[in-house]
């Protein structure tokens, strides 16, 4: 039996039996890969990555008019 047919049959059988646990276990074993490390601008540390995102978004979303922004904050 071809691997893709086996995958389909196993998933189909789990669905037919209304066995959600078996279905998702089968799905994950065939289609999900192990988590890979995240790298942003040659940085792997989660805190540094969060800081980089915060700096980027704070620059991207600056108010055009500081007086109007203050009125809206209040």
N, C-alpha and C. Protein backbone atom coordinates (compact mmCIF):
# COMPACT_ATOMS: atom_id res chain seq x y z
N UNK A 1 0.84 -1.18 0.00
CA UNK A 1 0.00 0.00 0.00
C UNK A 1 0.89 1.24 0.00
N UNK A 2 0.53 2.23 -0.80
CA UNK A 2 1.32 3.46 -0.88
C UNK A 2 1.17 4.25 0.41
N UNK A 3 2.25 4.99 0.82
CA UNK A 3 2.18 5.77 2.06
C UNK A 3 1.02 6.77 2.09
N UNK A 4 0.76 7.48 0.97
CA UNK A 4 -0.32 8.46 0.97
C UNK A 4 -1.68 7.81 1.15
N UNK A 5 -1.85 6.60 0.59
CA UNK A 5 -3.11 5.88 0.76
C UNK A 5 -3.26 5.46 2.21
N UNK A 6 -2.16 5.00 2.81
CA UNK A 6 -2.19 4.61 4.22
C UNK A 6 -2.56 5.79 5.10
N UNK A 7 -1.97 6.96 4.80
CA UNK A 7 -2.30 8.16 5.59
C UNK A 7 -3.77 8.46 5.46
N UNK A 8 -4.27 8.45 4.25
CA UNK A 8 -5.67 8.76 4.02
C UNK A 8 -6.58 7.77 4.72
N UNK A 9 -6.24 6.49 4.64
CA UNK A 9 -7.07 5.47 5.27
C UNK A 9 -7.07 5.61 6.80
N UNK A 10 -5.90 5.84 7.37
CA UNK A 10 -5.83 5.99 8.82
C UNK A 10 -6.63 7.19 9.29
N UNK A 11 -6.49 8.30 8.58
CA UNK A 11 -7.25 9.50 8.94
C UNK A 11 -8.75 9.27 8.75
N UNK A 12 -9.09 8.64 7.64
CA UNK A 12 -10.51 8.35 7.35
C UNK A 12 -11.10 7.45 8.41
N UNK A 13 -10.38 6.41 8.79
CA UNK A 13 -10.88 5.49 9.82
C UNK A 13 -11.08 6.20 11.15
N UNK A 14 -10.16 7.06 11.52
CA UNK A 14 -10.29 7.80 12.78
C UNK A 14 -11.51 8.70 12.74
N UNK A 15 -11.77 9.33 11.60
CA UNK A 15 -12.95 10.18 11.47
C UNK A 15 -14.23 9.36 11.52
N UNK A 16 -14.24 8.22 10.82
CA UNK A 16 -15.43 7.37 10.82
C UNK A 16 -15.78 6.90 12.23
N UNK A 17 -14.76 6.60 13.01
CA UNK A 17 -14.98 6.14 14.39
C UNK A 17 -15.22 7.29 15.35
N UNK A 18 -15.22 8.51 14.81
CA UNK A 18 -15.41 9.72 15.62
C UNK A 18 -14.42 9.76 16.77
N UNK A 19 -13.20 9.38 16.45
CA UNK A 19 -12.14 9.36 17.45
C UNK A 19 -11.20 10.54 17.18
N UNK A 20 -11.54 11.67 17.76
CA UNK A 20 -10.77 12.89 17.53
C UNK A 20 -9.32 12.76 17.97
N UNK A 21 -9.10 12.10 19.09
CA UNK A 21 -7.74 11.93 19.60
C UNK A 21 -6.89 11.15 18.61
N UNK A 22 -7.42 10.04 18.10
CA UNK A 22 -6.69 9.22 17.15
C UNK A 22 -6.46 9.99 15.84
N UNK A 23 -7.47 10.74 15.41
CA UNK A 23 -7.34 11.51 14.18
C UNK A 23 -6.20 12.51 14.29
N UNK A 24 -6.19 13.30 15.36
CA UNK A 24 -5.16 14.33 15.49
C UNK A 24 -3.78 13.73 15.74
N UNK A 25 -3.72 12.62 16.43
CA UNK A 25 -2.44 11.95 16.61
C UNK A 25 -1.89 11.50 15.27
N UNK A 26 -2.74 10.92 14.44
CA UNK A 26 -2.35 10.47 13.11
C UNK A 26 -1.95 11.67 12.25
N UNK A 27 -2.74 12.73 12.29
CA UNK A 27 -2.46 13.94 11.51
C UNK A 27 -1.09 14.51 11.87
N UNK A 28 -0.86 14.68 13.18
CA UNK A 28 0.41 15.27 13.62
C UNK A 28 1.60 14.40 13.26
N UNK A 29 1.45 13.10 13.36
CA UNK A 29 2.57 12.21 13.07
C UNK A 29 2.97 12.24 11.60
N UNK A 30 2.03 12.61 10.74
CA UNK A 30 2.32 12.58 9.31
C UNK A 30 2.55 13.95 8.69
N UNK A 31 1.94 14.99 9.25
CA UNK A 31 1.98 16.28 8.58
C UNK A 31 2.67 17.39 9.35
N UNK A 32 2.81 17.28 10.64
CA UNK A 32 3.46 18.33 11.41
C UNK A 32 4.92 17.97 11.66
N UNK A 33 5.76 18.99 11.58
CA UNK A 33 7.18 18.77 11.84
C UNK A 33 7.52 19.34 13.21
N UNK A 34 8.66 18.93 13.70
CA UNK A 34 9.11 19.45 14.99
C UNK A 34 9.33 20.95 14.88
N UNK A 35 9.12 21.64 15.95
CA UNK A 35 9.27 23.09 15.96
C UNK A 35 10.73 23.47 15.69
N UNK A 36 10.88 24.42 14.80
CA UNK A 36 12.22 24.91 14.49
C UNK A 36 12.45 26.20 15.24
N UNK A 37 13.69 26.50 15.52
CA UNK A 37 14.02 27.74 16.19
C UNK A 37 13.68 28.93 15.30
N UNK A 38 13.31 30.02 15.93
CA UNK A 38 12.97 31.24 15.21
C UNK A 38 14.18 32.16 15.21
N UNK A 39 14.44 32.74 14.06
CA UNK A 39 15.56 33.67 13.95
C UNK A 39 15.06 34.94 13.26
N UNK A 40 15.35 36.08 13.87
CA UNK A 40 14.99 37.38 13.29
C UNK A 40 16.26 38.23 13.28
N UNK A 41 16.64 38.65 12.08
CA UNK A 41 17.86 39.45 11.92
C UNK A 41 19.05 38.85 12.67
N UNK A 42 19.31 37.60 12.43
CA UNK A 42 20.42 36.84 13.02
C UNK A 42 20.35 36.76 14.55
N UNK A 43 19.17 36.88 15.11
CA UNK A 43 18.98 36.83 16.56
C UNK A 43 18.02 35.69 16.90
N UNK A 44 18.37 34.87 17.90
CA UNK A 44 17.54 33.74 18.30
C UNK A 44 16.91 33.91 19.68
N UNK A 45 17.36 34.88 20.45
CA UNK A 45 16.86 35.08 21.80
C UNK A 45 15.45 35.68 21.75
N UNK A 46 14.45 35.03 22.37
CA UNK A 46 13.06 35.52 22.30
C UNK A 46 12.88 36.95 22.82
N UNK A 47 13.60 37.30 23.87
CA UNK A 47 13.46 38.66 24.41
C UNK A 47 14.00 39.70 23.44
N UNK A 48 15.14 39.41 22.82
CA UNK A 48 15.69 40.33 21.83
C UNK A 48 14.80 40.43 20.59
N UNK A 49 14.23 39.31 20.19
CA UNK A 49 13.32 39.32 19.04
C UNK A 49 12.08 40.17 19.36
N UNK A 50 11.54 40.02 20.56
CA UNK A 50 10.38 40.83 20.96
C UNK A 50 10.73 42.31 20.97
N UNK A 51 11.91 42.64 21.43
CA UNK A 51 12.36 44.04 21.44
C UNK A 51 12.48 44.58 20.02
N UNK A 52 13.02 43.76 19.12
CA UNK A 52 13.14 44.17 17.72
C UNK A 52 11.77 44.45 17.11
N UNK A 53 10.79 43.58 17.39
CA UNK A 53 9.43 43.80 16.88
C UNK A 53 8.83 45.06 17.48
N UNK A 54 9.00 45.26 18.77
CA UNK A 54 8.46 46.45 19.44
C UNK A 54 9.04 47.72 18.83
N UNK A 55 10.34 47.75 18.60
CA UNK A 55 10.98 48.93 18.00
C UNK A 55 10.46 49.15 16.58
N UNK A 56 10.35 48.08 15.83
CA UNK A 56 9.88 48.19 14.46
C UNK A 56 8.46 48.77 14.41
N UNK A 57 7.56 48.22 15.23
CA UNK A 57 6.18 48.68 15.18
C UNK A 57 6.02 50.07 15.79
N UNK A 58 6.83 50.42 16.77
CA UNK A 58 6.72 51.77 17.33
C UNK A 58 7.15 52.81 16.30
N UNK A 59 8.11 52.47 15.45
CA UNK A 59 8.52 53.38 14.38
C UNK A 59 7.46 53.46 13.29
N UNK A 60 6.86 52.33 12.99
CA UNK A 60 5.89 52.27 11.90
C UNK A 60 4.57 52.95 12.24
N UNK A 61 4.24 53.04 13.51
CA UNK A 61 2.93 53.56 13.91
C UNK A 61 3.03 54.83 14.74
N UNK A 62 3.93 55.71 14.38
CA UNK A 62 4.03 57.00 15.07
C UNK A 62 2.92 57.90 14.58
N UNK A 63 2.45 58.75 15.46
CA UNK A 63 1.38 59.67 15.11
C UNK A 63 1.89 60.72 14.12
N UNK A 64 1.05 61.09 13.18
CA UNK A 64 1.39 62.15 12.24
C UNK A 64 1.32 63.51 12.94
N UNK A 65 0.41 63.61 13.89
CA UNK A 65 0.19 64.87 14.59
C UNK A 65 0.15 64.56 16.09
N UNK A 66 1.18 64.94 16.81
CA UNK A 66 1.29 64.60 18.24
C UNK A 66 0.16 65.24 19.06
N UNK A 67 -0.27 66.42 18.71
CA UNK A 67 -1.36 67.08 19.47
C UNK A 67 -2.65 66.30 19.31
N UNK A 68 -2.96 65.90 18.09
CA UNK A 68 -4.17 65.11 17.85
C UNK A 68 -4.07 63.75 18.52
N UNK A 69 -2.89 63.16 18.52
CA UNK A 69 -2.70 61.87 19.19
C UNK A 69 -2.96 62.00 20.68
N UNK A 70 -2.53 63.08 21.28
CA UNK A 70 -2.76 63.30 22.71
C UNK A 70 -4.24 63.48 23.00
N UNK A 71 -4.94 64.20 22.14
CA UNK A 71 -6.39 64.37 22.28
C UNK A 71 -7.08 63.00 22.23
N UNK A 72 -6.67 62.15 21.31
CA UNK A 72 -7.27 60.83 21.18
C UNK A 72 -6.93 59.94 22.37
N UNK A 73 -5.72 60.07 22.93
CA UNK A 73 -5.36 59.29 24.12
C UNK A 73 -6.25 59.62 25.30
N UNK A 74 -6.58 60.91 25.43
CA UNK A 74 -7.41 61.35 26.56
C UNK A 74 -8.83 60.90 26.35
